[in-house]
C-alpha atoms as a PDB file:
ATOM      1  CA  GLN A   1      25.810 -61.250  41.277  1.00  0.00           C
ATOM      2  CA  LYS A   2      23.598 -63.613  43.194  1.00  0.00           C
ATOM      3  CA  LEU A   3      21.287 -61.592  45.340  1.00  0.00           C
ATOM      4  CA  LYS A   4      17.718 -62.814  45.622  1.00  0.00           C
ATOM      5  CA  LYS A   5      14.914 -64.110  43.464  1.00  0.00           C
ATOM      6  CA  LYS A   6      14.675 -61.626  40.656  1.00  0.00           C
ATOM      7  CA  GLN A   7      11.501 -59.647  40.048  1.00  0.00           C
ATOM      8  CA  LYS A   8      10.188 -57.429  37.267  1.00  0.00           C
ATOM      9  CA  PHE A   9       8.852 -53.996  38.073  1.00  0.00           C
ATOM     10  CA  PRO A  10       6.467 -53.019  36.692  1.00  0.00           C
ATOM     11  CA  LYS A  11       5.103 -56.207  35.108  1.00  0.00           C
ATOM     12  CA  LYS A  12       5.895 -55.147  31.516  1.00  0.00           C
ATOM     13  CA  ALA A  13       9.319 -53.717  32.312  1.00  0.00           C
ATOM     14  CA  THR A  14      12.544 -55.121  30.937  1.00  0.00           C
ATOM     15  CA  LEU A  15      14.527 -54.340  34.086  1.00  0.00           C
ATOM     16  CA  TYR A  16      14.775 -57.119  36.641  1.00  0.00           C
ATOM     17  CA  PHE A  17      15.714 -56.432  40.249  1.00  0.00           C
ATOM     18  CA  ASN A  18      16.306 -58.298  43.482  1.00  0.00           C
ATOM     19  CA  THR A  19      14.300 -57.192  46.493  1.00  0.00           C
ATOM     20  CA  GLY A  20      16.641 -55.251  48.720  1.00  0.00           C
ATOM     21  CA  GLY A  21      15.010 -55.550  52.126  1.00  0.00           C
ATOM     22  CA  SER A  22      17.502 -58.098  53.375  1.00  0.00           C
ATOM     23  CA  GLY A  23      20.562 -56.396  51.924  1.00  0.00           C
ATOM     24  CA  TYR A  24      22.857 -57.161  49.033  1.00  0.00           C
ATOM     25  CA  ALA A  25      25.691 -59.529  48.313  1.00  0.00           C
ATOM     26  CA  LEU A  26      28.087 -58.033  45.774  1.00  0.00           C
ATOM     27  CA  SER A  27      31.485 -59.165  44.634  1.00  0.00           C
ATOM     28  CA  HIS A  28      34.417 -56.820  45.214  1.00  0.00           C
ATOM     29  CA  ALA A  29      34.630 -56.232  41.456  1.00  0.00           C
ATOM     30  CA  THR A  30      30.946 -55.289  41.245  1.00  0.00           C
ATOM     31  CA  LEU A  31      31.231 -52.977  44.236  1.00  0.00           C
ATOM     32  CA  ARG A  32      34.250 -51.249  42.691  1.00  0.00           C
ATOM     33  CA  LYS A  33      32.343 -50.731  39.427  1.00  0.00           C
ATOM     34  CA  PHE A  34      29.260 -49.511  41.313  1.00  0.00           C
ATOM     35  CA  LEU A  35      31.307 -46.933  43.212  1.00  0.00           C
ATOM     36  CA  THR A  36      32.511 -45.401  39.929  1.00  0.00           C
ATOM     37  CA  VAL A  37      28.949 -44.516  38.889  1.00  0.00           C
ATOM     38  CA  VAL A  38      27.020 -44.213  42.164  1.00  0.00           C
ATOM     39  CA  ASP A  39      26.753 -40.431  41.715  1.00  0.00           C
ATOM     40  CA  ASP A  40      25.593 -40.692  38.085  1.00  0.00           C
ATOM     41  CA  VAL A  41      22.202 -38.957  38.297  1.00  0.00           C
ATOM     42  CA  GLU A  42      21.056 -40.105  34.845  1.00  0.00           C
ATOM     43  CA  HIS A  43      21.784 -43.823  35.235  1.00  0.00           C
ATOM     44  CA  CYS A  44      21.807 -44.377  38.974  1.00  0.00           C
ATOM     45  CA  SER A  45      19.171 -41.873  40.140  1.00  0.00           C
ATOM     46  CA  SER A  46      21.465 -40.745  42.922  1.00  0.00           C
ATOM     47  CA  ASN A  47      19.358 -37.652  43.663  1.00  0.00           C
ATOM     48  CA  GLU A  48      16.018 -39.461  43.635  1.00  0.00           C
ATOM     49  CA  LYS A  49      14.202 -39.888  46.943  1.00  0.00           C
ATOM     50  CA  THR A  50      12.528 -43.293  46.882  1.00  0.00           C
ATOM     51  CA  SER A  51      11.954 -46.368  48.974  1.00  0.00           C
ATOM     52  CA  ALA A  52      12.618 -48.475  45.861  1.00  0.00           C
ATOM     53  CA  GLU A  53      16.381 -48.588  46.334  1.00  0.00           C
ATOM     54  CA  ASP A  54      16.381 -52.155  45.019  1.00  0.00           C
ATOM     55  CA  VAL A  55      15.019 -50.985  41.662  1.00  0.00           C
ATOM     56  CA  MET A  56      17.507 -48.103  41.569  1.00  0.00           C
ATOM     57  CA  MET A  57      20.373 -50.483  42.391  1.00  0.00           C
ATOM     58  CA  ALA A  58      19.327 -52.770  39.526  1.00  0.00           C
ATOM     59  CA  LYS A  59      19.063 -49.776  37.173  1.00  0.00           C
ATOM     60  CA  CYS A  60      22.567 -48.669  38.082  1.00  0.00           C
ATOM     61  CA  LEU A  61      24.057 -52.166  37.770  1.00  0.00           C
ATOM     62  CA  HIS A  62      22.231 -52.647  34.456  1.00  0.00           C
ATOM     63  CA  HIS A  63      23.928 -49.477  33.179  1.00  0.00           C
ATOM     64  CA  LEU A  64      27.254 -51.140  34.027  1.00  0.00           C
ATOM     65  CA  GLY A  65      26.303 -54.286  32.101  1.00  0.00           C
ATOM     66  CA  ILE A  66      25.761 -56.279  35.303  1.00  0.00           C
ATOM     67  CA  ARG A  67      22.534 -58.286  35.406  1.00  0.00           C
ATOM     68  CA  VAL A  68      20.900 -59.664  38.518  1.00  0.00           C
ATOM     69  CA  THR A  69      20.356 -63.394  38.863  1.00  0.00           C
ATOM     70  CA  ASP A  70      17.993 -65.691  40.682  1.00  0.00           C
ATOM     71  CA  SER A  71      19.764 -66.710  43.875  1.00  0.00           C
ATOM     72  CA  ARG A  72      17.383 -69.379  45.117  1.00  0.00           C
ATOM     73  CA  ASP A  73      18.998 -72.711  45.931  1.00  0.00           C
ATOM     74  CA  ARG A  74      18.654 -75.851  43.790  1.00  0.00           C
ATOM     75  CA  GLN A  75      15.366 -76.666  45.472  1.00  0.00           C
ATOM     76  CA  ALA A  76      14.010 -73.164  44.675  1.00  0.00           C
ATOM     77  CA  ARG A  77      14.183 -72.082  48.323  1.00  0.00           C
ATOM     78  CA  GLU A  78      14.773 -68.419  49.054  1.00  0.00           C
ATOM     79  CA  ARG A  79      18.160 -67.526  50.529  1.00  0.00           C
ATOM     80  CA  PHE A  80      17.361 -63.908  51.331  1.00  0.00           C
ATOM     81  CA  HIS A  81      14.182 -62.633  52.941  1.00  0.00           C
ATOM     82  CA  MET A  82      13.039 -59.048  53.227  1.00  0.00           C
ATOM     83  CA  PHE A  83      10.798 -59.868  56.196  1.00  0.00           C
ATOM     84  CA  MET A  84      11.571 -61.196  59.672  1.00  0.00           C
ATOM     85  CA  PRO A  85      11.129 -64.996  59.939  1.00  0.00           C
ATOM     86  CA  GLY A  86       8.075 -64.612  62.173  1.00  0.00           C
ATOM     87  CA  ARG A  87       6.363 -62.429  59.608  1.00  0.00           C
ATOM     88  CA  LEU A  88       7.005 -65.017  56.887  1.00  0.00           C
ATOM     89  CA  HIS A  89       5.364 -67.670  59.049  1.00  0.00           C
ATOM     90  CA  ASN A  90       2.490 -65.599  60.440  1.00  0.00           C
ATOM     91  CA  TRP A  91       1.460 -62.390  58.689  1.00  0.00           C
ATOM     92  CA  ASN A  92      -0.371 -61.206  61.823  1.00  0.00           C
ATOM     93  CA  ILE A  93       2.819 -60.561  63.779  1.00  0.00           C
END
């Protein structure tokens, strides 16, 4: 599932995740699998209140055996951005 540049959180963790600010791109097969476990409190933290939905999504997909990938293009340019373009260019906006 190519989402965004993968990150580790926290630094020593083994779980990688894609920042979720810009949304997700999932295949139909992945979405179908995700829907079967979305309410799994143990593996998908469905009852947890957090702003780290990207980490929770990765945790849930990891439970399903689905790993995130780096989705930058061949020139290592980001395809997905969690900030508005103006904010990427000028942090004072």
